[in-house]
Amino acid sequence: MSITTSKWLRVNRHNPCPICGKSDWCLLSDDGKAAICARIESNRPAGTKGAGWIHHLDTATPLPPTKPRLDAKQTPKAPPGIVDTAYRALLSVLTLSEWHRENLRRRGLTDEQIASLGYRTLPLSGRHDLVARLRANHPRLAGVPGFYLEAGRWQLTGPTGMAIPVRDTKHRIAGLQIRCDTTESGRYKWLSSRGFNRGCSPGAPAHVAGTVSTGGEVWITEGPLKADIAALRLDRLVLAVAGVGNWSSLVPIIRELEPSRAIIAFDTDKVTNPAVKLHNESLMTWLIRRGIRTFEADWNPDFKGLDDVLVGDEA
């Protein structure tokens, strides 16, 4: 590995040098495979000007993502059209790993459906190149959750995993939810640069899956991936919240679409989890008070979620 063929990141107090443990002077490669330590020698000098020494790292231990700074200046989230344009550009330069594709196939999706829904893999390495390809097309990145400025250059943060587009009623991408490859701190996370310099939060937008219409029927569930699968299986408009406690994100969508009928289809833990039960009842009450005929979907408790029972019934 040479300095000219790798992208290098300056260490900081959140990601110190793995060789000397210090938080200054040293560098880490963006793929997590090497470090240039300014203090501890190896048999690989990093150039001829005393920059330090190259050390190969255990590739089984990925480079930790940069953590946000408490003093970082934030940027308001950009208008929907700008966020949508940037995310579509990002997805266009990403691919879907075979591992993620197989996971989606096991959920009952065809390759054609997977392609149309726009799922992609957000990798650990190569993010500098991804951002450079985006910048070549001049999309605006300020105010787009997941992007931030460091040393005058736009960077992309976020966990590694499968990126799931979260869309609004106009089919614009309002956010990207990441199904993380590791689950130490949760399976699903938003692509967010909250706390990073010039970064911002995506909020918790609701997802709209299926053909949008007004005055008709809507199904309501939890999780955009689940909603995508349900919309295809039911051939219905399905709305999804990012956690049942965020059901208020549905309010502007319901007011826009004015459905005549709603079916709430949260997971079966609504029976055993008091918090889920409370939010389920609160949403139902709000819908009924708006004059919407509201029902609750139930199924065999052997299946946890709406997508499980729909795919299971066809398996």
Protein backbone atom coordinates (compact mmCIF):
# COMPACT_ATOMS: atom_id res chain seq x y z
CA MET A 1 0.00 0.00 0.00
CA SER A 2 1.36 3.42 -0.89
CA ILE A 3 0.39 6.90 0.12
CA THR A 4 -0.46 7.76 -3.45
CA THR A 5 -3.04 4.98 -3.86
CA SER A 6 -4.97 5.41 -0.60
CA LYS A 7 -7.14 8.09 0.96
CA TRP A 8 -5.91 9.07 4.39
CA LEU A 9 -7.84 10.58 7.29
CA ARG A 10 -6.30 12.55 10.13
CA VAL A 11 -6.73 10.87 13.52
CA ASN A 12 -8.70 12.68 16.22
CA ARG A 13 -9.74 12.14 19.81
CA HIS A 14 -12.64 9.94 18.73
CA ASN A 15 -10.53 7.83 16.33
CA PRO A 16 -6.97 7.84 17.75
CA CYS A 17 -4.02 6.16 16.09
CA PRO A 18 -4.28 2.39 16.64
CA ILE A 19 -0.47 2.14 16.78
CA CYS A 20 0.56 4.81 19.30
CA GLY A 21 -2.86 5.68 20.72
CA LYS A 22 -2.39 9.43 20.17
CA SER A 23 -5.02 11.72 18.63
CA ASP A 24 -2.77 13.95 16.51
CA TRP A 25 -0.22 13.82 13.67
CA CYS A 26 -1.01 10.24 12.57
CA LEU A 27 -3.24 9.10 9.67
CA LEU A 28 -5.66 6.25 8.99
CA SER A 29 -6.56 4.86 5.56
CA ASP A 30 -10.25 5.17 4.76
CA ASP A 31 -10.58 1.41 4.24
CA GLY A 32 -9.30 0.73 7.76
CA LYS A 33 -6.44 -1.45 6.53
CA ALA A 34 -3.43 0.73 7.37
CA ALA A 35 -2.15 3.57 9.50
CA ILE A 36 0.69 6.03 9.17
CA CYS A 37 2.09 6.49 12.66
CA ALA A 38 4.26 9.53 13.25
CA ARG A 39 5.83 8.05 16.40
CA ILE A 40 6.36 4.29 16.11
CA GLU A 41 8.60 2.97 13.37
CA SER A 42 8.00 0.07 10.99
CA ASN A 43 9.96 -1.21 8.00
CA ARG A 44 7.81 0.95 5.68
CA PRO A 45 8.63 4.68 5.80
CA ALA A 46 5.76 6.86 4.55
CA GLY A 47 7.68 8.83 1.94
CA THR A 48 11.01 10.56 2.35
CA LYS A 49 10.02 13.65 4.34
CA GLY A 50 9.56 12.14 7.79
CA ALA A 51 5.76 11.74 7.59
CA GLY A 52 5.90 8.57 9.66
CA TRP A 53 5.76 4.84 9.08
CA ILE A 54 3.11 2.66 7.44
CA HIS A 55 1.59 -0.09 9.60
CA HIS A 56 -0.80 -2.71 8.21
CA LEU A 57 -3.82 -3.30 10.43
CA ASP A 58 -6.01 -6.31 11.09
CA THR A 59 -8.57 -6.08 8.28
CA ALA A 60 -11.11 -7.95 10.45
CA THR A 61 -11.37 -4.78 12.56
CA PRO A 62 -13.00 -2.03 10.47
CA LEU A 63 -12.10 1.60 10.91
CA PRO A 64 -14.56 3.20 13.37
CA PRO A 65 -16.70 5.91 11.78
CA THR A 66 -15.91 9.49 12.61
CA LYS A 67 -17.96 10.68 15.56
CA PRO A 68 -19.77 14.03 15.73
CA ARG A 69 -18.33 17.02 17.52
CA LEU A 70 -20.31 18.73 20.23
CA ASP A 71 -19.23 22.18 18.97
CA ALA A 72 -19.96 21.54 15.28
CA LYS A 73 -21.96 24.15 13.36
CA GLN A 74 -25.15 22.67 11.95
CA THR A 75 -26.97 23.32 8.67
CA PRO A 76 -30.78 23.25 8.32
CA LYS A 77 -32.11 20.38 6.24
CA ALA A 78 -32.33 21.36 2.58
CA PRO A 79 -35.68 21.60 0.71
CA PRO A 80 -37.20 18.27 -0.45
CA GLY A 81 -36.15 18.66 -4.08
CA ILE A 82 -32.49 19.20 -3.20
CA VAL A 83 -32.42 16.28 -0.75
CA ASP A 84 -34.07 14.05 -3.35
CA THR A 85 -31.59 15.06 -6.08
CA ALA A 86 -28.56 14.42 -3.85
CA TYR A 87 -29.82 11.04 -2.65
CA ARG A 88 -30.68 9.90 -6.16
CA ALA A 89 -27.17 10.89 -7.23
CA LEU A 90 -25.70 8.96 -4.29
CA LEU A 91 -27.73 5.84 -5.06
CA SER A 92 -26.67 6.04 -8.71
CA VAL A 93 -23.00 5.59 -7.76
CA LEU A 94 -23.67 2.81 -5.26
CA THR A 95 -24.31 -0.86 -5.99
CA LEU A 96 -26.12 -3.60 -4.08
CA SER A 97 -23.99 -6.35 -2.60
CA GLU A 98 -24.94 -9.95 -3.30
CA TRP A 99 -25.37 -10.51 0.44
CA HIS A 100 -27.97 -7.73 0.65
CA ARG A 101 -29.64 -8.91 -2.55
CA GLU A 102 -30.04 -12.41 -1.14
CA ASN A 103 -31.55 -10.97 2.04
CA LEU A 104 -34.15 -9.12 -0.04
CA ARG A 105 -34.89 -12.21 -2.12
CA ARG A 106 -35.55 -14.16 1.08
CA ARG A 107 -38.11 -11.49 1.92
CA GLY A 108 -39.97 -12.35 -1.28
CA LEU A 109 -38.74 -9.55 -3.54
CA THR A 110 -37.77 -10.20 -7.15
CA ASP A 111 -34.68 -8.67 -8.77
CA GLU A 112 -36.95 -6.36 -10.78
CA GLN A 113 -38.70 -5.15 -7.62
CA ILE A 114 -35.37 -4.70 -5.83
CA ALA A 115 -34.11 -2.55 -8.70
CA SER A 116 -37.26 -0.43 -8.85
CA LEU A 117 -37.23 0.23 -5.11
CA GLY A 118 -33.66 1.53 -5.27
CA TYR A 119 -31.95 -0.35 -2.44
CA ARG A 120 -28.16 -0.02 -2.35
CA THR A 121 -25.21 -1.02 -0.18
CA LEU A 122 -23.46 1.75 1.77
CA PRO A 123 -19.86 0.47 2.04
CA LEU A 124 -17.24 1.08 4.67
CA SER A 125 -14.46 2.10 2.31
CA GLY A 126 -14.16 4.28 -0.76
CA ARG A 127 -16.40 7.09 0.47
CA HIS A 128 -14.01 9.82 -0.64
CA ASP A 129 -14.31 8.53 -4.18
CA LEU A 130 -18.10 8.34 -3.88
CA VAL A 131 -18.34 11.96 -2.81
CA ALA A 132 -15.91 13.01 -5.55
CA ARG A 133 -18.15 11.34 -8.15
CA LEU A 134 -21.15 13.15 -6.71
CA ARG A 135 -19.37 16.49 -6.76
CA ALA A 136 -18.44 15.95 -10.41
CA ASN A 137 -22.14 16.35 -11.20
CA HIS A 138 -22.38 19.39 -8.91
CA PRO A 139 -25.28 18.34 -6.69
CA ARG A 140 -25.72 20.49 -3.61
CA LEU A 141 -24.71 18.58 -0.48
CA ALA A 142 -25.21 21.31 2.12
CA GLY A 143 -28.26 20.44 4.19
CA VAL A 144 -28.40 16.84 2.97
CA PRO A 145 -28.36 14.45 5.96
CA GLY A 146 -25.30 12.22 5.94
CA PHE A 147 -22.94 14.78 4.40
CA TYR A 148 -20.65 17.13 6.32
CA LEU A 149 -17.60 19.33 5.82
CA GLU A 150 -14.16 18.41 7.10
CA ALA A 151 -11.02 20.34 6.19
CA GLY A 152 -12.96 22.11 3.44
CA ARG A 153 -14.09 18.87 1.77
CA TRP A 154 -17.48 17.22 1.79
CA GLN A 155 -17.53 13.83 3.52
CA LEU A 156 -20.11 11.05 3.87
CA THR A 157 -20.80 9.47 7.23
CA GLY A 158 -23.17 6.69 8.29
CA PRO A 159 -22.97 3.01 9.25
CA THR A 160 -22.27 0.30 6.72
CA GLY A 161 -25.34 -1.57 5.59
CA MET A 162 -28.24 -1.52 3.16
CA ALA A 163 -29.63 1.92 2.26
CA ILE A 164 -33.44 2.00 2.07
CA PRO A 165 -34.97 5.07 0.38
CA VAL A 166 -37.74 6.71 2.42
CA ARG A 167 -40.11 8.53 0.07
CA ASP A 168 -42.80 11.17 0.38
CA THR A 169 -46.15 11.41 -1.42
CA LYS A 170 -44.42 12.82 -4.51
CA HIS A 171 -42.02 9.87 -4.60
CA ARG A 172 -39.13 12.10 -3.57
CA ILE A 173 -36.49 10.58 -1.32
CA ALA A 174 -36.79 12.34 2.03
CA GLY A 175 -34.24 10.21 3.88
CA LEU A 176 -32.21 7.04 3.79
CA GLN A 177 -32.68 4.44 6.48
CA ILE A 178 -29.73 2.07 6.87
CA ARG A 179 -30.26 -1.58 7.77
CA CYS A 180 -26.94 -1.97 9.58
CA ASP A 181 -24.67 -4.93 8.93
CA THR A 182 -23.89 -5.10 12.65
CA THR A 183 -26.42 -4.71 15.44
CA GLU A 184 -24.38 -3.55 18.45
CA SER A 185 -26.36 -0.30 18.63
CA GLY A 186 -29.51 -1.24 16.73
CA ARG A 187 -30.48 -2.75 13.40
CA TYR A 188 -31.90 0.37 11.71
CA LYS A 189 -30.39 3.85 11.72
CA TRP A 190 -30.95 7.01 9.71
CA LEU A 191 -28.24 8.34 7.44
CA SER A 192 -27.53 11.45 9.46
CA SER A 193 -24.72 13.97 9.91
CA ARG A 194 -26.22 15.59 12.97
CA GLY A 195 -23.39 16.84 15.17
CA PHE A 196 -20.87 17.04 12.32
CA ASN A 197 -19.62 20.33 10.89
CA ARG A 198 -22.26 21.69 8.46
CA GLY A 199 -24.20 18.45 8.94
CA CYS A 200 -27.86 17.98 9.72
CA SER A 201 -30.47 15.52 10.95
CA PRO A 202 -33.03 13.87 8.65
CA GLY A 203 -35.69 13.92 11.34
CA ALA A 204 -37.92 10.85 11.20
CA PRO A 205 -39.97 11.17 8.00
CA ALA A 206 -42.76 8.68 7.31
CA HIS A 207 -42.45 6.49 4.24
CA VAL A 208 -45.01 6.25 1.43
CA ALA A 209 -45.05 2.96 -0.49
CA GLY A 210 -47.28 2.04 -3.41
CA THR A 211 -49.49 4.09 -5.70
CA VAL A 212 -50.49 7.39 -4.11
CA SER A 213 -54.15 8.38 -4.26
CA THR A 214 -56.53 10.54 -2.24
CA GLY A 215 -59.74 9.56 -0.52
CA GLY A 216 -59.02 5.83 -0.60
CA GLU A 217 -57.57 3.19 1.68
CA VAL A 218 -54.22 3.28 3.48
CA TRP A 219 -52.40 0.67 5.49
CA ILE A 220 -50.10 1.82 8.29
CA THR A 221 -47.13 -0.17 9.58
CA GLU A 222 -43.66 0.30 11.04
CA GLY A 223 -40.51 0.40 8.88
CA PRO A 224 -40.03 1.41 5.22
CA LEU A 225 -38.73 -1.98 4.06
CA LYS A 226 -41.78 -3.68 5.55
CA ALA A 227 -44.04 -1.13 3.88
CA ASP A 228 -42.42 -1.68 0.47
CA ILE A 229 -43.01 -5.43 0.71
CA ALA A 230 -46.58 -5.00 1.98
CA ALA A 231 -47.46 -2.49 -0.76
CA LEU A 232 -46.36 -4.98 -3.42
CA ARG A 233 -48.14 -7.94 -1.82
CA LEU A 234 -51.38 -6.13 -1.03
CA ASP A 235 -51.39 -3.80 -4.04
CA ARG A 236 -52.32 -1.05 -1.62
CA LEU A 237 -50.94 2.27 -0.43
CA VAL A 238 -48.89 1.58 2.70
CA LEU A 239 -47.50 4.22 5.05
CA ALA A 240 -44.67 3.45 7.45
CA VAL A 241 -43.40 5.18 10.55
CA ALA A 242 -39.83 4.90 11.80
CA GLY A 243 -40.86 3.50 15.17
CA VAL A 244 -44.42 3.49 16.50
CA GLY A 245 -43.60 6.43 18.78
CA ASN A 246 -43.15 8.56 15.64
CA TRP A 247 -46.72 8.11 14.40
CA SER A 248 -47.20 11.90 14.41
CA SER A 249 -45.02 11.97 11.25
CA LEU A 250 -48.11 10.57 9.50
CA VAL A 251 -50.24 13.60 10.35
CA PRO A 252 -49.32 15.81 7.34
CA ILE A 253 -49.61 12.82 4.98
CA ILE A 254 -53.06 11.85 6.28
CA ARG A 255 -54.19 15.46 6.00
CA GLU A 256 -52.92 15.58 2.41
CA LEU A 257 -54.42 12.26 1.29
CA GLU A 258 -57.64 12.36 3.37
CA PRO A 259 -58.18 8.58 3.23
CA SER A 260 -61.65 7.22 3.86
CA ARG A 261 -60.35 4.01 5.43
CA ALA A 262 -57.21 3.12 7.41
CA ILE A 263 -55.88 -0.25 8.58
CA ILE A 264 -53.25 -0.16 11.32
CA ALA A 265 -50.88 -3.12 11.05
CA PHE A 266 -48.17 -2.80 13.67
CA ASP A 267 -46.15 -5.84 14.79
CA THR A 268 -47.66 -8.44 17.11
CA ASP A 269 -45.68 -7.09 20.08
CA LYS A 270 -48.46 -4.51 20.40
CA VAL A 271 -50.11 -7.18 22.58
CA THR A 272 -47.17 -7.61 24.97
CA ASN A 273 -45.38 -4.26 24.80
CA PRO A 274 -47.25 -1.52 26.70
CA ALA A 275 -45.50 1.30 24.81
CA VAL A 276 -46.41 -0.13 21.40
CA LYS A 277 -49.97 -0.70 22.59
CA LEU A 278 -50.24 2.90 23.81
CA HIS A 279 -49.02 4.39 20.51
CA ASN A 280 -51.22 2.03 18.53
CA GLU A 281 -54.28 3.20 20.47
CA SER A 282 -53.25 6.87 20.22
CA LEU A 283 -52.97 6.65 16.44
CA MET A 284 -56.29 4.85 16.19
CA THR A 285 -58.00 7.50 18.30
CA TRP A 286 -56.57 10.32 16.18
CA LEU A 287 -57.70 8.68 12.93
CA ILE A 288 -61.22 8.03 14.23
CA ARG A 289 -61.55 11.62 15.40
CA ARG A 290 -60.74 12.75 11.86
CA GLY A 291 -63.71 10.76 10.66
CA ILE A 292 -61.65 8.00 9.05
CA ARG A 293 -63.01 4.46 9.25
CA THR A 294 -60.21 2.75 11.15
CA PHE A 295 -59.44 -0.94 11.58
CA GLU A 296 -56.69 -2.99 13.18
CA ALA A 297 -55.08 -5.90 11.35
CA ASP A 298 -54.37 -9.07 13.32
CA TRP A 299 -52.75 -12.33 12.26
CA ASN A 300 -51.22 -15.54 13.53
CA PRO A 301 -48.71 -14.52 16.25
CA ASP A 302 -46.21 -16.98 14.76
CA PHE A 303 -45.57 -14.15 12.29
CA LYS A 304 -44.20 -10.98 13.87
CA GLY A 305 -44.75 -8.33 11.21
CA LEU A 306 -47.07 -7.60 8.30
CA ASP A 307 -44.37 -8.50 5.78
CA ASP A 308 -43.72 -11.82 7.52
CA VAL A 309 -47.32 -12.97 7.31
CA LEU A 310 -47.74 -11.80 3.71
CA VAL A 311 -44.58 -13.53 2.51
CA GLY A 312 -45.27 -16.56 4.68
CA ASP A 313 -48.73 -16.98 3.19
CA GLU A 314 -47.22 -17.17 -0.29
CA ALA A 315 -44.23 -19.32 0.63
